[in-house]
Amino acid sequence: KAAAGSVVIDPVVYQKPDPDAPVASPGVKHTHYAPK
């Protein structure tokens, strides 16, 4: 925000996205980072 003047935090940062929706970023849609 300081560099570009504005910023939006997408809801996918906090919640699981619709499994049928395309996403533009890795680390969002599928299971990630999980131990056993």
Full PDB file with SEQRES, HELIX, SHEET, SSBOND, CRYST1, ORIGX, SCALE, CONECT and MASTER records, all heavy atoms in Angstrom:
SEQRES   1 A   36  LYS ALA ALA ALA GLY SER VAL VAL ILE ASP PRO VAL VAL          
SEQRES   2 A   36  TYR GLN LYS PRO ASP PRO ASP ALA PRO VAL ALA SER PRO          
SEQRES   3 A   36  GLY VAL LYS HIS THR HIS TYR ALA PRO LYS                      
HELIX    1 AA1 PRO A   11  VAL A   13  5                                   3    
CRYST1    1.000    1.000    1.000  90.00  90.00  90.00 P 1           1          
ORIGX1      1.000000  0.000000  0.000000        0.00000                         
ORIGX2      0.000000  1.000000  0.000000        0.00000                         
ORIGX3      0.000000  0.000000  1.000000        0.00000                         
SCALE1      1.000000  0.000000  0.000000        0.00000                         
SCALE2      0.000000  1.000000  0.000000        0.00000                         
SCALE3      0.000000  0.000000  1.000000        0.00000                         
ATOM      1  N   LYS A   1       0.825  -1.205   0.000  1.00  0.00           N  
ATOM      2  CA  LYS A   1       0.000   0.000   0.000  1.00  0.00           C  
ATOM      3  C   LYS A   1       0.859   1.254   0.000  1.00  0.00           C  
ATOM      4  O   LYS A   1       0.574   2.222  -0.719  1.00  0.00           O  
ATOM      5  CB  LYS A   1      -0.927   0.001   1.219  1.00  0.00           C  
ATOM      6  CG  LYS A   1      -1.875   1.204   1.263  1.00  0.00           C  
ATOM      7  CD  LYS A   1      -2.819   1.119   2.437  1.00  0.00           C  
ATOM      8  CE  LYS A   1      -3.764   2.326   2.451  1.00  0.00           C  
ATOM      9  NZ  LYS A   1      -4.693   2.264   3.605  1.00  0.00           N  
ATOM     10  N   ALA A   2       1.928   1.244   0.780  1.00  0.00           N  
ATOM     11  CA  ALA A   2       2.811   2.410   0.825  1.00  0.00           C  
ATOM     12  C   ALA A   2       3.463   2.663  -0.536  1.00  0.00           C  
ATOM     13  O   ALA A   2       3.683   3.812  -0.922  1.00  0.00           O  
ATOM     14  CB  ALA A   2       3.879   2.208   1.896  1.00  0.00           C  
ATOM     15  N   ALA A   3       3.742   1.585  -1.280  1.00  0.00           N  
ATOM     16  CA  ALA A   3       4.407   1.732  -2.575  1.00  0.00           C  
ATOM     17  C   ALA A   3       3.437   2.053  -3.703  1.00  0.00           C  
ATOM     18  O   ALA A   3       3.745   2.848  -4.590  1.00  0.00           O  
ATOM     19  CB  ALA A   3       5.164   0.453  -2.912  1.00  0.00           C  
ATOM     20  N   ALA A   4       2.258   1.424  -3.676  1.00  0.00           N  
ATOM     21  CA  ALA A   4       1.324   1.519  -4.807  1.00  0.00           C  
ATOM     22  C   ALA A   4       0.138   2.446  -4.544  1.00  0.00           C  
ATOM     23  O   ALA A   4      -0.627   2.720  -5.464  1.00  0.00           O  
ATOM     24  CB  ALA A   4       0.820   0.127  -5.180  1.00  0.00           C  
ATOM     25  N   GLY A   5      -0.040   2.881  -3.291  1.00  0.00           N  
ATOM     26  CA  GLY A   5      -1.132   3.796  -2.969  1.00  0.00           C  
ATOM     27  C   GLY A   5      -2.386   3.122  -2.478  1.00  0.00           C  
ATOM     28  O   GLY A   5      -3.217   3.755  -1.820  1.00  0.00           O  
ATOM     29  N   SER A   6      -2.546   1.840  -2.774  1.00  0.00           N  
ATOM     30  CA  SER A   6      -3.724   1.106  -2.306  1.00  0.00           C  
ATOM     31  C   SER A   6      -3.413  -0.378  -2.344  1.00  0.00           C  
ATOM     32  O   SER A   6      -2.479  -0.826  -3.026  1.00  0.00           O  
ATOM     33  CB  SER A   6      -4.951   1.407  -3.171  1.00  0.00           C  
ATOM     34  OG  SER A   6      -4.721   1.001  -4.511  1.00  0.00           O  
ATOM     35  N   VAL A   7      -4.206  -1.163  -1.605  1.00  0.00           N  
ATOM     36  CA  VAL A   7      -4.059  -2.608  -1.620  1.00  0.00           C  
ATOM     37  C   VAL A   7      -5.355  -3.234  -1.145  1.00  0.00           C  
ATOM     38  O   VAL A   7      -6.079  -2.646  -0.329  1.00  0.00           O  
ATOM     39  CB  VAL A   7      -2.876  -3.074  -0.731  1.00  0.00           C  
ATOM     40  CG1 VAL A   7      -3.191  -2.887   0.753  1.00  0.00           C  
ATOM     41  CG2 VAL A   7      -2.510  -4.527  -1.013  1.00  0.00           C  
ATOM     42  N   VAL A   8      -5.673  -4.400  -1.696  1.00  0.00           N  
ATOM     43  CA  VAL A   8      -6.830  -5.182  -1.275  1.00  0.00           C  
ATOM     44  C   VAL A   8      -6.312  -6.556  -0.865  1.00  0.00           C  
ATOM     45  O   VAL A   8      -5.451  -7.128  -1.547  1.00  0.00           O  
ATOM     46  CB  VAL A   8      -7.853  -5.338  -2.419  1.00  0.00           C  
ATOM     47  CG1 VAL A   8      -8.995  -6.262  -2.014  1.00  0.00           C  
ATOM     48  CG2 VAL A   8      -8.391  -3.971  -2.840  1.00  0.00           C  
ATOM     49  N   ILE A   9      -6.804  -7.078   0.248  1.00  0.00           N  
ATOM     50  CA  ILE A   9      -6.457  -8.440   0.651  1.00  0.00           C  
ATOM     51  C   ILE A   9      -7.605  -9.353   0.233  1.00  0.00           C  
ATOM     52  O   ILE A   9      -8.735  -9.197   0.693  1.00  0.00           O  
ATOM     53  CB  ILE A   9      -6.204  -8.541   2.160  1.00  0.00           C  
ATOM     54  CG1 ILE A   9      -5.049  -7.618   2.559  1.00  0.00           C  
ATOM     55  CG2 ILE A   9      -5.878  -9.985   2.555  1.00  0.00           C  
ATOM     56  CD1 ILE A   9      -4.755  -7.609   4.042  1.00  0.00           C  
ATOM     57  N   ASP A  10      -7.321 -10.272  -0.653  1.00  0.00           N  
ATOM     58  CA  ASP A  10      -8.356 -11.165  -1.175  1.00  0.00           C  
ATOM     59  C   ASP A  10      -8.872 -12.088  -0.076  1.00  0.00           C  
ATOM     60  O   ASP A  10      -8.109 -12.511   0.800  1.00  0.00           O  
ATOM     61  CB  ASP A  10      -7.782 -12.001  -2.316  1.00  0.00           C  
ATOM     62  CG  ASP A  10      -8.860 -12.665  -3.148  1.00  0.00           C  
ATOM     63  OD1 ASP A  10      -9.360 -13.730  -2.722  1.00  0.00           O  
ATOM     64  OD2 ASP A  10      -9.195 -12.133  -4.212  1.00  0.00           O  
ATOM     65  N   PRO A  11     -10.172 -12.429  -0.096  1.00  0.00           N  
ATOM     66  CA  PRO A  11     -10.712 -13.357   0.907  1.00  0.00           C  
ATOM     67  C   PRO A  11     -10.003 -14.702   0.967  1.00  0.00           C  
ATOM     68  O   PRO A  11     -10.010 -15.362   2.010  1.00  0.00           O  
ATOM     69  CB  PRO A  11     -12.172 -13.522   0.473  1.00  0.00           C  
ATOM     70  CG  PRO A  11     -12.511 -12.267  -0.254  1.00  0.00           C  
ATOM     71  CD  PRO A  11     -11.244 -11.868  -0.955  1.00  0.00           C  
ATOM     72  N   VAL A  12      -9.341 -15.138  -0.133  1.00  0.00           N  
ATOM     73  CA  VAL A  12      -8.671 -16.441  -0.115  1.00  0.00           C  
ATOM     74  C   VAL A  12      -7.498 -16.473   0.867  1.00  0.00           C  
ATOM     75  O   VAL A  12      -7.025 -17.548   1.221  1.00  0.00           O  
ATOM     76  CB  VAL A  12      -8.166 -16.868  -1.513  1.00  0.00           C  
ATOM     77  CG1 VAL A  12      -9.323 -17.045  -2.468  1.00  0.00           C  
ATOM     78  CG2 VAL A  12      -7.132 -15.897  -2.056  1.00  0.00           C  
ATOM     79  N   VAL A  13      -7.047 -15.321   1.330  1.00  0.00           N  
ATOM     80  CA  VAL A  13      -5.989 -15.287   2.335  1.00  0.00           C  
ATOM     81  C   VAL A  13      -6.480 -15.887   3.646  1.00  0.00           C  
ATOM     82  O   VAL A  13      -5.714 -16.513   4.382  1.00  0.00           O  
ATOM     83  CB  VAL A  13      -5.490 -13.845   2.548  1.00  0.00           C  
ATOM     84  CG1 VAL A  13      -4.595 -13.732   3.788  1.00  0.00           C  
ATOM     85  CG2 VAL A  13      -4.745 -13.366   1.306  1.00  0.00           C  
ATOM     86  N   TYR A  14      -7.784 -15.723   3.930  1.00  0.00           N  
ATOM     87  CA  TYR A  14      -8.341 -16.139   5.216  1.00  0.00           C  
ATOM     88  C   TYR A  14      -9.236 -17.370   5.134  1.00  0.00           C  
ATOM     89  O   TYR A  14      -9.520 -17.981   6.159  1.00  0.00           O  
ATOM     90  CB  TYR A  14      -9.183 -15.001   5.810  1.00  0.00           C  
ATOM     91  CG  TYR A  14      -8.423 -13.737   6.051  1.00  0.00           C  
ATOM     92  CD1 TYR A  14      -8.505 -12.677   5.155  1.00  0.00           C  
ATOM     93  CD2 TYR A  14      -7.622 -13.586   7.180  1.00  0.00           C  
ATOM     94  CE1 TYR A  14      -7.808 -11.497   5.386  1.00  0.00           C  
ATOM     95  CE2 TYR A  14      -6.925 -12.407   7.417  1.00  0.00           C  
ATOM     96  CZ  TYR A  14      -7.019 -11.379   6.508  1.00  0.00           C  
ATOM     97  OH  TYR A  14      -6.322 -10.226   6.737  1.00  0.00           O  
ATOM     98  N   GLN A  15      -9.702 -17.709   3.956  1.00  0.00           N  
ATOM     99  CA  GLN A  15     -10.699 -18.776   3.878  1.00  0.00           C  
ATOM    100  C   GLN A  15     -10.482 -19.660   2.664  1.00  0.00           C  
ATOM    101  O   GLN A  15      -9.815 -19.270   1.697  1.00  0.00           O  
ATOM    102  CB  GLN A  15     -12.107 -18.181   3.826  1.00  0.00           C  
ATOM    103  CG  GLN A  15     -12.368 -17.318   2.598  1.00  0.00           C  
ATOM    104  CD  GLN A  15     -13.616 -16.471   2.727  1.00  0.00           C  
ATOM    105  OE1 GLN A  15     -13.895 -15.889   3.775  1.00  0.00           O  
ATOM    106  NE2 GLN A  15     -14.387 -16.385   1.654  1.00  0.00           N  
ATOM    107  N   LYS A  16     -11.038 -20.848   2.723  1.00  0.00           N  
ATOM    108  CA  LYS A  16     -10.912 -21.811   1.642  1.00  0.00           C  
ATOM    109  C   LYS A  16     -11.752 -21.363   0.450  1.00  0.00           C  
ATOM    110  O   LYS A  16     -12.928 -21.034   0.600  1.00  0.00           O  
ATOM    111  CB  LYS A  16     -11.397 -23.181   2.121  1.00  0.00           C  
ATOM    112  CG  LYS A  16     -11.066 -24.325   1.197  1.00  0.00           C  
ATOM    113  CD  LYS A  16     -11.426 -25.650   1.855  1.00  0.00           C  
ATOM    114  CE  LYS A  16     -11.018 -26.819   0.991  1.00  0.00           C  
ATOM    115  NZ  LYS A  16     -11.314 -28.117   1.646  1.00  0.00           N  
ATOM    116  N   PRO A  17     -11.156 -21.315  -0.761  1.00  0.00           N  
ATOM    117  CA  PRO A  17     -11.926 -20.873  -1.922  1.00  0.00           C  
ATOM    118  C   PRO A  17     -12.872 -21.949  -2.425  1.00  0.00           C  
ATOM    119  O   PRO A  17     -12.774 -23.114  -2.038  1.00  0.00           O  
ATOM    120  CB  PRO A  17     -10.834 -20.574  -2.950  1.00  0.00           C  
ATOM    121  CG  PRO A  17      -9.744 -21.524  -2.596  1.00  0.00           C  
ATOM    122  CD  PRO A  17      -9.765 -21.653  -1.101  1.00  0.00           C  
ATOM    123  N   ASP A  18     -13.771 -21.546  -3.280  1.00  0.00           N  
ATOM    124  CA  ASP A  18     -14.657 -22.482  -3.968  1.00  0.00           C  
ATOM    125  C   ASP A  18     -13.796 -23.489  -4.732  1.00  0.00           C  
ATOM    126  O   ASP A  18     -12.943 -23.104  -5.538  1.00  0.00           O  
ATOM    127  CB  ASP A  18     -15.539 -21.693  -4.943  1.00  0.00           C  
ATOM    128  CG  ASP A  18     -16.537 -22.571  -5.687  1.00  0.00           C  
ATOM    129  OD1 ASP A  18     -16.305 -23.802  -5.788  1.00  0.00           O  
ATOM    130  OD2 ASP A  18     -17.535 -22.030  -6.180  1.00  0.00           O  
ATOM    131  N   PRO A  19     -13.981 -24.788  -4.499  1.00  0.00           N  
ATOM    132  CA  PRO A  19     -13.121 -25.786  -5.165  1.00  0.00           C  
ATOM    133  C   PRO A  19     -13.250 -25.776  -6.681  1.00  0.00           C  
ATOM    134  O   PRO A  19     -12.359 -26.268  -7.374  1.00  0.00           O  
ATOM    135  CB  PRO A  19     -13.599 -27.116  -4.573  1.00  0.00           C  
ATOM    136  CG  PRO A  19     -14.961 -26.850  -4.028  1.00  0.00           C  
ATOM    137  CD  PRO A  19     -14.963 -25.420  -3.607  1.00  0.00           C  
ATOM    138  N   ASP A  20     -14.340 -25.232  -7.203  1.00  0.00           N  
ATOM    139  CA  ASP A  20     -14.538 -25.191  -8.653  1.00  0.00           C  
ATOM    140  C   ASP A  20     -14.058 -23.895  -9.279  1.00  0.00           C  
ATOM    141  O   ASP A  20     -14.085 -23.751 -10.502  1.00  0.00           O  
ATOM    142  CB  ASP A  20     -16.013 -25.395  -8.987  1.00  0.00           C  
ATOM    143  CG  ASP A  20     -16.523 -26.760  -8.547  1.00  0.00           C  
ATOM    144  OD1 ASP A  20     -15.758 -27.732  -8.673  1.00  0.00           O  
ATOM    145  OD2 ASP A  20     -17.671 -26.839  -8.073  1.00  0.00           O  
ATOM    146  N   ALA A  21     -13.623 -22.941  -8.455  1.00  0.00           N  
ATOM    147  CA  ALA A  21     -13.215 -21.639  -8.976  1.00  0.00           C  
ATOM    148  C   ALA A  21     -11.734 -21.652  -9.332  1.00  0.00           C  
ATOM    149  O   ALA A  21     -10.916 -22.191  -8.592  1.00  0.00           O  
ATOM    150  CB  ALA A  21     -13.483 -20.550  -7.943  1.00  0.00           C  
ATOM    151  N   PRO A  22     -11.367 -21.052 -10.491  1.00  0.00           N  
ATOM    152  CA  PRO A  22      -9.940 -20.944 -10.823  1.00  0.00           C  
ATOM    153  C   PRO A  22      -9.257 -19.943  -9.901  1.00  0.00           C  
ATOM    154  O   PRO A  22      -9.887 -18.986  -9.431  1.00  0.00           O  
ATOM    155  CB  PRO A  22      -9.960 -20.434 -12.271  1.00  0.00           C  
ATOM    156  CG  PRO A  22     -11.258 -19.719 -12.407  1.00  0.00           C  
ATOM    157  CD  PRO A  22     -12.240 -20.432 -11.514  1.00  0.00           C  
ATOM    158  N   VAL A  23      -7.992 -20.158  -9.590  1.00  0.00           N  
ATOM    159  CA  VAL A  23      -7.242 -19.219  -8.757  1.00  0.00           C  
ATOM    160  C   VAL A  23      -5.947 -18.851  -9.458  1.00  0.00           C  
ATOM    161  O   VAL A  23      -5.342 -19.680 -10.142  1.00  0.00           O  
ATOM    162  CB  VAL A  23      -6.941 -19.797  -7.360  1.00  0.00           C  
ATOM    163  CG1 VAL A  23      -8.213 -19.942  -6.549  1.00  0.00           C  
ATOM    164  CG2 VAL A  23      -6.223 -21.132  -7.459  1.00  0.00           C  
ATOM    165  N   ALA A  24      -5.516 -17.600  -9.286  1.00  0.00           N  
ATOM    166  CA  ALA A  24      -4.349 -17.096 -10.003  1.00  0.00           C  
ATOM    167  C   ALA A  24      -3.056 -17.282  -9.233  1.00  0.00           C  
ATOM    168  O   ALA A  24      -1.991 -16.954  -9.732  1.00  0.00           O  
ATOM    169  CB  ALA A  24      -4.549 -15.612 -10.327  1.00  0.00           C  
ATOM    170  N   SER A  25      -3.150 -17.811  -8.012  1.00  0.00           N  
ATOM    171  CA  SER A  25      -1.959 -17.955  -7.181  1.00  0.00           C  
ATOM    172  C   SER A  25      -1.818 -19.379  -6.680  1.00  0.00           C  
ATOM    173  O   SER A  25      -2.812 -20.016  -6.316  1.00  0.00           O  
ATOM    174  CB  SER A  25      -2.037 -17.017  -5.979  1.00  0.00           C  
ATOM    175  OG  SER A  25      -1.021 -17.293  -5.040  1.00  0.00           O  
ATOM    176  N   PRO A  26      -0.581 -19.893  -6.615  1.00  0.00           N  
ATOM    177  CA  PRO A  26      -0.362 -21.162  -5.914  1.00  0.00           C  
ATOM    178  C   PRO A  26      -0.566 -20.972  -4.416  1.00  0.00           C  
ATOM    179  O   PRO A  26      -0.598 -19.852  -3.913  1.00  0.00           O  
ATOM    180  CB  PRO A  26       1.097 -21.498  -6.238  1.00  0.00           C  
ATOM    181  CG  PRO A  26       1.731 -20.183  -6.538  1.00  0.00           C  
ATOM    182  CD  PRO A  26       0.656 -19.339  -7.157  1.00  0.00           C  
ATOM    183  N   GLY A  27      -0.721 -22.088  -3.711  1.00  0.00           N  
ATOM    184  CA  GLY A  27      -0.853 -22.012  -2.261  1.00  0.00           C  
ATOM    185  C   GLY A  27      -2.214 -21.586  -1.792  1.00  0.00           C  
ATOM    186  O   GLY A  27      -2.380 -21.167  -0.651  1.00  0.00           O  
ATOM    187  N   VAL A  28      -3.220 -21.691  -2.650  1.00  0.00           N  
ATOM    188  CA  VAL A  28      -4.552 -21.178  -2.314  1.00  0.00           C  
ATOM    189  C   VAL A  28      -5.614 -22.270  -2.366  1.00  0.00           C  
ATOM    190  O   VAL A  28      -6.357 -22.482  -1.415  1.00  0.00           O  
ATOM    191  CB  VAL A  28      -4.943 -20.013  -3.258  1.00  0.00           C  
ATOM    192  CG1 VAL A  28      -6.399 -19.626  -3.067  1.00  0.00           C  
ATOM    193  CG2 VAL A  28      -4.035 -18.809  -3.028  1.00  0.00           C  
ATOM    194  N   LYS A  29      -5.679 -22.984  -3.496  1.00  0.00           N  
ATOM    195  CA  LYS A  29      -6.835 -23.842  -3.749  1.00  0.00           C  
ATOM    196  C   LYS A  29      -6.726 -25.216  -3.117  1.00  0.00           C  
ATOM    197  O   LYS A  29      -7.697 -25.733  -2.568  1.00  0.00           O  
ATOM    198  CB  LYS A  29      -7.035 -23.975  -5.264  1.00  0.00           C  
ATOM    199  CG  LYS A  29      -8.277 -24.750  -5.665  1.00  0.00           C  
ATOM    200  CD  LYS A  29      -8.470 -24.695  -7.161  1.00  0.00           C  
ATOM    201  CE  LYS A  29      -9.734 -25.418  -7.584  1.00  0.00           C  
ATOM    202  NZ  LYS A  29      -9.954 -25.352  -9.040  1.00  0.00           N  
ATOM    203  N   HIS A  30      -5.562 -25.826  -3.184  1.00  0.00           N  
ATOM    204  CA  HIS A  30      -5.406 -27.221  -2.775  1.00  0.00           C  
ATOM    205  C   HIS A  30      -4.799 -27.321  -1.376  1.00  0.00           C  
ATOM    206  O   HIS A  30      -4.334 -26.340  -0.801  1.00  0.00           O  
ATOM    207  CB  HIS A  30      -4.552 -27.967  -3.800  1.00  0.00           C  
ATOM    208  CG  HIS A  30      -5.163 -27.976  -5.175  1.00  0.00           C  
ATOM    209  ND1 HIS A  30      -6.168 -28.849  -5.522  1.00  0.00           N  
ATOM    210  CD2 HIS A  30      -4.939 -27.191  -6.253  1.00  0.00           C  
ATOM    211  CE1 HIS A  30      -6.524 -28.617  -6.780  1.00  0.00           C  
ATOM    212  NE2 HIS A  30      -5.797 -27.622  -7.250  1.00  0.00           N  
ATOM    213  N   THR A  31      -4.795 -28.537  -0.837  1.00  0.00           N  
ATOM    214  CA  THR A  31      -4.175 -28.781   0.466  1.00  0.00           C  
ATOM    215  C   THR A  31      -2.699 -28.425   0.402  1.00  0.00           C  
ATOM    216  O   THR A  31      -1.989 -28.828  -0.518  1.00  0.00           O  
ATOM    217  CB  THR A  31      -4.325 -30.262   0.862  1.00  0.00           C  
ATOM    218  OG1 THR A  31      -5.726 -30.565   0.944  1.00  0.00           O  
ATOM    219  CG2 THR A  31      -3.674 -30.519   2.205  1.00  0.00           C  
ATOM    220  N   HIS A  32      -2.240 -27.660   1.391  1.00  0.00           N  
ATOM    221  CA  HIS A  32      -0.853 -27.201   1.388  1.00  0.00           C  
ATOM    222  C   HIS A  32      -0.267 -27.242   2.786  1.00  0.00           C  
ATOM    223  O   HIS A  32      -0.988 -27.098   3.784  1.00  0.00           O  
ATOM    224  CB  HIS A  32      -0.762 -25.764   0.863  1.00  0.00           C  
ATOM    225  CG  HIS A  32      -0.928 -25.645  -0.615  1.00  0.00           C  
ATOM    226  ND1 HIS A  32       0.104 -25.836  -1.505  1.00  0.00           N  
ATOM    227  CD2 HIS A  32      -2.016 -25.360  -1.353  1.00  0.00           C  
ATOM    228  CE1 HIS A  32      -0.346 -25.674  -2.736  1.00  0.00           C  
ATOM    229  NE2 HIS A  32      -1.621 -25.378  -2.677  1.00  0.00           N  
ATOM    230  N   TYR A  33       1.045 -27.433   2.838  1.00  0.00           N  
ATOM    231  CA  TYR A  33       1.843 -27.193   4.044  1.00  0.00           C  
ATOM    232  C   TYR A  33       1.567 -28.171   5.182  1.00  0.00           C  
ATOM    233  O   TYR A  33       2.017 -27.966   6.301  1.00  0.00           O  
ATOM    234  CB  TYR A  33       1.631 -25.760   4.573  1.00  0.00           C  
ATOM    235  CG  TYR A  33       1.493 -24.708   3.514  1.00  0.00           C  
ATOM    236  CD1 TYR A  33       0.378 -23.889   3.426  1.00  0.00           C  
ATOM    237  CD2 TYR A  33       2.501 -24.532   2.564  1.00  0.00           C  
ATOM    238  CE1 TYR A  33       0.258 -22.912   2.440  1.00  0.00           C  
ATOM    239  CE2 TYR A  33       2.396 -23.557   1.579  1.00  0.00           C  
ATOM    240  CZ  TYR A  33       1.266 -22.762   1.529  1.00  0.00           C  
ATOM    241  OH  TYR A  33       1.159 -21.801   0.548  1.00  0.00           O  
ATOM    242  N   ALA A  34       0.831 -29.240   4.952  1.00  0.00           N  
ATOM    243  CA  ALA A  34       0.306 -30.050   6.046  1.00  0.00           C  
ATOM    244  C   ALA A  34       1.287 -31.136   6.491  1.00  0.00           C  
ATOM    245  O   ALA A  34       1.817 -31.879   5.661  1.00  0.00           O  
ATOM    246  CB  ALA A  34      -1.012 -30.693   5.635  1.00  0.00           C  
ATOM    247  N   PRO A  35       1.495 -31.266   7.804  1.00  0.00           N  
ATOM    248  CA  PRO A  35       2.199 -32.437   8.328  1.00  0.00           C  
ATOM    249  C   PRO A  35       1.252 -33.628   8.350  1.00  0.00           C  
ATOM    250  O   PRO A  35       0.078 -33.523   7.964  1.00  0.00           O  
ATOM    251  CB  PRO A  35       2.581 -31.994   9.744  1.00  0.00           C  
ATOM    252  CG  PRO A  35       1.462 -31.088  10.143  1.00  0.00           C  
ATOM    253  CD  PRO A  35       1.052 -30.364   8.877  1.00  0.00           C  
ATOM    254  N   LYS A  36       1.732 -34.757   8.827  1.00  0.00           N  
ATOM    255  CA  LYS A  36       0.879 -35.943   8.909  1.00  0.00           C  
ATOM    256  C   LYS A  36      -0.157 -35.821  10.024  1.00  0.00           C  
ATOM    257  O   LYS A  36      -1.227 -36.423   9.966  1.00  0.00           O  
ATOM    258  CB  LYS A  36       1.754 -37.181   9.125  1.00  0.00           C  
ATOM    259  CG  LYS A  36       2.679 -37.469   7.951  1.00  0.00           C  
ATOM    260  CD  LYS A  36       3.662 -38.585   8.248  1.00  0.00           C  
ATOM    261  CE  LYS A  36       4.639 -38.780   7.095  1.00  0.00           C  
ATOM    262  NZ  LYS A  36       5.690 -39.773   7.410  1.00  0.00           N  
TER     263      LYS A  36                                                      
MASTER        0    0    0    1    0    0    0    6  262    1    0    3          
END                                                                             
